Amino acid sequence: MGRALPGDVRSTVMAGLKASTGYNIKLYATGVDGQNTQPLFAVATTEDIPQLGPIAASSASPHNLSLSWSTVSGHFDGFVIRVSDSEQQSETLEFRLPGDVRNITVTNLMDATGYDIELYGISHGRHTPTVLAHAVTAPLPKVENLTISNITPYGFRVSWGVKHQLPQDNLTPSSGGFSHFHIVVTDSGWLLKAQEFTVPGNQSHLDIGGLITGIGYEVRLTGVSESGLLSRPLTAVAVTGTTQCTVSPPVLQQSPVSDFVEATMGVYVYNYYNHFSSAVSLSQPGAVL
């Protein structure tokens, strides 16, 4: 393979060569008298064909995915990553990264959602074959078992639990919890000013006092995750100074609801179930219903 160039040219690109192959280069000039100069010699080896390794994805939190990948061979000018949820509920995210980067954290994703990931490299203006992966973001923790007990004429105790759900791979629990809980207590007639309480995330009950006897009160509990996301609210109602109390479903439109009351040995147990949360139960001494 040879090439003749004008006398004022000082560089050229040799295309159509084989990858990972050594080449001997010979350069000489031809003078105006037609005589050739002494040749110069060099040796060069073409680069390997750029090839990507596998891409790994893991869920660092309910709204993040951590992605990392490797390269098997070749030079990379950059990488392109596309992330889309499997149900196509949101727009595809695209990231263009420099060639020396091997990991990225994708944020602002939906919890407990499957995502399809595409990665390809760019080398000398050409795209490598695409590498695919799939990952599921961790689920948010869940507030459950809202209970009102120790009812007096002037107050009561509110208790609850937190369930840390497992992601679909069942390997590790969802990371993160609730940084705090937000509790709002209002009288059933909305005649008095609502009382609001912020409870640390490691606490599971709150004693509320200073209420008016014989008044119905609604308690609304919401968990706030470490990432600022809100849980589905739970709501319960109790009447101060009496044994009358009920548990209401979360405030959700068009939520299928089924309530039942069971009387056993003079104790009334109120249970609530729906398709969105675990059972909420409340026990009180027997009374005429």
Protein backbone atom coordinates (compact mmCIF):
# COMPACT_ATOMS: atom_id res chain seq x y z
CA MET A 1 0.00 0.00 0.00
CA GLY A 2 1.52 3.30 -1.08
CA ARG A 3 0.48 6.91 -1.43
CA ALA A 4 1.92 9.90 -3.28
CA LEU A 5 1.44 13.32 -1.69
CA PRO A 6 2.12 16.92 -2.77
CA GLY A 7 5.37 18.45 -1.51
CA ASP A 8 3.64 20.87 0.85
CA VAL A 9 1.72 18.15 2.77
CA ARG A 10 3.05 17.18 6.17
CA SER A 11 0.48 14.59 7.39
CA THR A 12 -1.97 12.02 6.12
CA VAL A 13 -4.41 9.43 7.45
CA MET A 14 -4.15 5.83 6.28
CA ALA A 15 -7.58 4.18 6.40
CA GLY A 16 -8.82 0.67 5.71
CA LEU A 17 -6.23 -1.01 7.93
CA LYS A 18 -6.72 -4.01 10.19
CA ALA A 19 -7.18 -3.60 13.92
CA SER A 20 -4.46 -4.76 16.32
CA THR A 21 -1.94 -5.06 13.46
CA GLY A 22 1.66 -3.81 13.20
CA TYR A 23 2.65 -1.83 10.06
CA ASN A 24 6.08 -0.81 8.72
CA ILE A 25 6.11 2.74 7.35
CA LYS A 26 8.61 4.03 4.76
CA LEU A 27 8.73 7.71 3.82
CA TYR A 28 10.91 9.37 1.16
CA ALA A 29 10.71 12.52 -0.98
CA THR A 30 11.28 13.00 -4.70
CA GLY A 31 13.19 16.10 -5.74
CA VAL A 32 12.63 18.30 -8.79
CA ASP A 33 15.38 16.40 -10.53
CA GLY A 34 13.48 13.15 -10.02
CA GLN A 35 15.93 11.79 -7.47
CA ASN A 36 14.61 10.18 -4.25
CA THR A 37 15.92 11.13 -0.86
CA GLN A 38 17.14 8.66 1.72
CA PRO A 39 14.01 6.99 3.19
CA LEU A 40 12.83 7.25 6.78
CA PHE A 41 11.36 4.23 8.55
CA ALA A 42 8.83 3.82 11.37
CA VAL A 43 6.68 1.09 12.90
CA ALA A 44 3.10 1.60 14.12
CA THR A 45 0.38 -0.70 15.45
CA THR A 46 -3.32 -0.03 14.98
CA GLU A 47 -5.57 0.04 18.03
CA ASP A 48 -7.74 -2.84 19.20
CA ILE A 49 -11.39 -2.82 18.17
CA PRO A 50 -13.25 -0.92 20.92
CA GLN A 51 -15.33 -3.35 22.96
CA LEU A 52 -17.48 -2.73 26.02
CA GLY A 53 -17.68 -5.01 29.01
CA PRO A 54 -20.90 -5.65 30.96
CA ILE A 55 -22.83 -2.88 32.73
CA ALA A 56 -23.90 -3.39 36.36
CA ALA A 57 -26.85 -1.59 37.95
CA SER A 58 -27.91 -1.43 41.59
CA SER A 59 -30.46 0.60 43.53
CA ALA A 60 -28.82 2.86 46.10
CA SER A 61 -32.17 4.31 47.23
CA PRO A 62 -35.83 4.37 46.14
CA HIS A 63 -35.10 7.16 43.64
CA ASN A 64 -31.51 6.41 42.52
CA LEU A 65 -29.70 3.85 40.39
CA SER A 66 -25.93 3.36 40.45
CA LEU A 67 -24.45 2.25 37.11
CA SER A 68 -20.93 1.03 36.44
CA TRP A 69 -19.27 -0.60 33.43
CA SER A 70 -15.91 -1.69 32.03
CA THR A 71 -14.15 -1.79 28.66
CA VAL A 72 -12.52 -4.88 27.21
CA SER A 73 -10.35 -3.26 24.55
CA GLY A 74 -9.89 -0.20 22.36
CA HIS A 75 -10.02 3.56 22.74
CA PHE A 76 -13.19 5.41 23.75
CA ASP A 77 -13.85 9.09 23.22
CA GLY A 78 -17.05 8.93 25.23
CA PHE A 79 -20.11 6.98 26.30
CA VAL A 80 -23.86 7.42 25.89
CA ILE A 81 -26.33 6.00 28.45
CA ARG A 82 -30.10 5.90 28.05
CA VAL A 83 -32.39 5.05 30.98
CA SER A 84 -36.13 4.45 30.50
CA ASP A 85 -38.77 2.92 32.76
CA SER A 86 -40.13 -0.38 31.48
CA GLU A 87 -43.74 0.87 31.43
CA GLN A 88 -42.85 4.05 29.51
CA GLN A 89 -44.45 6.25 32.17
CA SER A 90 -41.78 8.95 31.90
CA GLU A 91 -39.38 10.34 29.31
CA THR A 92 -36.14 8.54 28.52
CA LEU A 93 -33.08 10.01 30.24
CA GLU A 94 -29.87 10.36 28.19
CA PHE A 95 -26.38 11.00 29.52
CA ARG A 96 -23.22 11.73 27.47
CA LEU A 97 -20.03 11.06 29.39
CA PRO A 98 -16.29 11.45 28.63
CA GLY A 99 -14.21 8.41 27.75
CA ASP A 100 -12.47 8.13 31.13
CA VAL A 101 -15.73 7.75 33.14
CA ARG A 102 -16.82 4.29 34.26
CA ASN A 103 -19.76 4.97 36.61
CA ILE A 104 -22.72 7.30 37.15
CA THR A 105 -25.59 7.68 39.62
CA VAL A 106 -28.96 8.37 38.00
CA THR A 107 -31.26 10.35 40.31
CA ASN A 108 -34.91 11.45 40.49
CA LEU A 109 -36.31 8.06 39.55
CA MET A 110 -39.57 6.44 40.71
CA ASP A 111 -39.44 3.95 43.58
CA ALA A 112 -40.11 0.23 43.03
CA THR A 113 -39.91 0.73 39.25
CA GLY A 114 -38.13 -1.32 36.61
CA TYR A 115 -35.72 0.54 34.32
CA ASP A 116 -34.12 -0.53 31.03
CA ILE A 117 -30.55 0.70 30.53
CA GLU A 118 -28.66 1.06 27.24
CA LEU A 119 -24.94 1.84 26.98
CA TYR A 120 -22.75 2.32 23.92
CA GLY A 121 -19.33 3.83 23.37
CA ILE A 122 -18.07 6.34 20.83
CA SER A 123 -14.65 5.76 19.29
CA HIS A 124 -13.30 7.97 16.51
CA GLY A 125 -16.84 9.02 15.64
CA ARG A 126 -18.25 5.50 15.47
CA HIS A 127 -20.68 3.79 17.84
CA THR A 128 -19.87 0.46 19.44
CA PRO A 129 -22.54 -2.25 19.82
CA THR A 130 -25.02 -1.50 22.63
CA VAL A 131 -24.84 -3.21 26.02
CA LEU A 132 -28.18 -3.69 27.84
CA ALA A 133 -29.15 -4.04 31.51
CA HIS A 134 -32.27 -3.95 33.66
CA ALA A 135 -32.66 -2.77 37.26
CA VAL A 136 -35.45 -2.06 39.75
CA THR A 137 -35.33 0.84 42.19
CA ALA A 138 -35.83 0.01 45.86
CA PRO A 139 -39.32 0.39 47.34
CA LEU A 140 -40.10 3.03 49.89
CA PRO A 141 -40.72 1.94 53.47
CA LYS A 142 -44.36 1.75 54.49
CA VAL A 143 -46.24 3.13 57.50
CA GLU A 144 -48.72 0.63 58.95
CA ASN A 145 -50.70 -0.43 62.03
CA LEU A 146 -51.94 3.01 63.10
CA THR A 147 -53.45 2.54 66.58
CA ILE A 148 -55.15 4.85 69.11
CA SER A 149 -55.07 3.70 72.74
CA ASN A 150 -55.04 5.00 76.34
CA ILE A 151 -58.01 7.25 75.64
CA THR A 152 -58.77 9.70 78.48
CA PRO A 153 -61.11 12.70 78.70
CA TYR A 154 -58.22 14.93 77.62
CA GLY A 155 -56.04 12.91 75.29
CA PHE A 156 -54.84 9.58 73.89
CA ARG A 157 -51.78 7.74 72.58
CA VAL A 158 -51.11 7.33 68.85
CA SER A 159 -48.92 4.37 67.81
CA TRP A 160 -47.71 3.07 64.43
CA GLY A 161 -45.20 0.78 62.77
CA VAL A 162 -42.84 0.90 59.79
CA LYS A 163 -42.36 -1.94 57.31
CA HIS A 164 -39.16 -2.03 55.25
CA GLN A 165 -40.07 -3.83 52.05
CA LEU A 166 -37.73 -6.04 50.01
CA PRO A 167 -36.97 -5.19 46.37
CA GLN A 168 -37.88 -7.68 43.69
CA ASP A 169 -34.48 -9.39 43.81
CA ASN A 170 -35.05 -10.10 47.54
CA LEU A 171 -31.33 -9.68 48.19
CA THR A 172 -31.18 -6.57 50.33
CA PRO A 173 -33.79 -4.47 52.13
CA SER A 174 -34.69 -1.08 50.78
CA SER A 175 -32.20 1.50 51.97
CA GLY A 176 -33.21 4.56 53.85
CA GLY A 177 -36.16 5.02 56.21
CA PHE A 178 -38.29 7.84 57.52
CA SER A 179 -36.48 10.92 58.72
CA HIS A 180 -39.61 11.98 60.60
CA PHE A 181 -43.37 11.60 60.86
CA HIS A 182 -45.94 14.34 60.41
CA ILE A 183 -49.07 14.06 62.59
CA VAL A 184 -52.11 16.35 62.31
CA VAL A 185 -54.90 16.22 64.91
CA THR A 186 -58.19 17.96 64.11
CA ASP A 187 -61.61 17.90 65.72
CA SER A 188 -64.17 16.07 63.61
CA GLY A 189 -66.19 19.24 63.05
CA TRP A 190 -63.16 21.32 62.05
CA LEU A 191 -64.19 23.99 64.56
CA LEU A 192 -60.86 24.18 66.40
CA LYS A 193 -57.37 24.91 65.16
CA ALA A 194 -55.54 21.79 63.99
CA GLN A 195 -52.58 20.61 66.05
CA GLU A 196 -49.48 19.50 64.13
CA PHE A 197 -46.61 17.41 65.45
CA THR A 198 -43.24 16.42 63.96
CA VAL A 199 -41.92 13.15 65.40
CA PRO A 200 -38.38 11.76 64.81
CA GLY A 201 -38.14 8.78 62.47
CA ASN A 202 -36.98 6.40 65.21
CA GLN A 203 -40.10 7.01 67.31
CA SER A 204 -43.25 4.85 67.05
CA HIS A 205 -45.79 6.57 69.30
CA LEU A 206 -46.93 9.98 70.50
CA ASP A 207 -48.98 10.95 73.57
CA ILE A 208 -51.35 13.77 72.74
CA GLY A 209 -52.92 15.82 75.54
CA GLY A 210 -54.75 19.07 76.13
CA LEU A 211 -57.84 17.96 74.20
CA ILE A 212 -61.49 18.65 74.99
CA THR A 213 -63.51 15.82 76.52
CA GLY A 214 -66.37 14.30 74.58
CA ILE A 215 -65.06 15.56 71.24
CA GLY A 216 -64.28 13.43 68.19
CA TYR A 217 -60.74 13.87 66.89
CA GLU A 218 -59.19 12.78 63.60
CA VAL A 219 -55.51 11.78 63.54
CA ARG A 220 -53.65 11.84 60.23
CA LEU A 221 -50.15 10.30 60.06
CA THR A 222 -47.68 10.67 57.16
CA GLY A 223 -44.09 9.44 56.99
CA VAL A 224 -41.42 11.61 55.34
CA SER A 225 -38.51 9.61 53.91
CA GLU A 226 -34.86 10.63 54.06
CA SER A 227 -35.14 11.68 50.42
CA GLY A 228 -38.15 13.92 51.15
CA LEU A 229 -40.78 11.61 49.68
CA LEU A 230 -44.12 11.14 51.47
CA SER A 231 -45.79 7.87 52.42
CA ARG A 232 -49.47 7.25 51.93
CA PRO A 233 -51.28 8.84 54.89
CA LEU A 234 -53.12 6.80 57.51
CA THR A 235 -56.10 8.24 59.37
CA ALA A 236 -57.88 7.27 62.60
CA VAL A 237 -60.70 8.82 64.67
CA ALA A 238 -61.30 8.69 68.44
CA VAL A 239 -63.66 10.39 70.90
CA THR A 240 -62.07 11.66 74.12
CA GLY A 241 -63.54 10.49 77.40
CA THR A 242 -65.46 7.57 75.82
CA THR A 243 -64.82 4.15 74.35
CA GLN A 244 -66.01 5.28 70.95
CA CYS A 245 -63.30 5.14 68.33
CA THR A 246 -62.86 4.12 64.71
CA VAL A 247 -60.10 3.81 62.18
CA SER A 248 -60.53 5.43 58.79
CA PRO A 249 -58.82 4.55 55.51
CA PRO A 250 -56.11 6.70 53.90
CA VAL A 251 -57.55 9.63 52.01
CA LEU A 252 -57.49 8.13 48.54
CA GLN A 253 -60.10 8.58 45.84
CA GLN A 254 -61.78 5.47 44.43
CA SER A 255 -60.09 3.20 46.99
CA PRO A 256 -61.91 -0.13 47.48
CA VAL A 257 -62.66 -0.30 51.22
CA SER A 258 -63.89 -3.11 53.45
CA ASP A 259 -64.53 -2.53 57.18
CA PHE A 260 -65.75 -5.00 59.76
CA VAL A 261 -66.22 -5.05 63.55
CA GLU A 262 -65.65 -8.12 65.71
CA ALA A 263 -66.82 -8.36 69.37
CA THR A 264 -64.93 -10.81 71.56
CA MET A 265 -65.13 -11.04 75.38
CA GLY A 266 -66.32 -7.48 75.80
CA VAL A 267 -63.55 -5.97 73.65
CA TYR A 268 -64.31 -4.40 70.30
CA VAL A 269 -61.60 -4.73 67.64
CA TYR A 270 -61.77 -2.44 64.63
CA ASN A 271 -59.87 -3.52 61.52
CA TYR A 272 -59.40 -1.69 58.24
CA TYR A 273 -58.16 -3.17 54.99
CA ASN A 274 -57.71 -1.82 51.46
CA HIS A 275 -55.58 -2.53 48.42
CA PHE A 276 -52.99 0.12 49.27
CA SER A 277 -51.96 -0.49 52.89
CA SER A 278 -51.69 -3.13 55.60
CA ALA A 279 -54.37 -3.67 58.21
CA VAL A 280 -54.93 -0.98 60.84
CA SER A 281 -56.44 -2.21 64.12
CA LEU A 282 -57.73 -0.58 67.28
CA SER A 283 -58.94 -2.21 70.51
CA GLN A 284 -61.24 -0.65 73.13
CA PRO A 285 -63.31 -1.96 76.07
CA GLY A 286 -66.79 -3.15 75.10
CA ALA A 287 -69.55 -0.60 74.67
CA VAL A 288 -73.00 -0.45 73.16
CA LEU A 289 -72.75 0.15 69.41
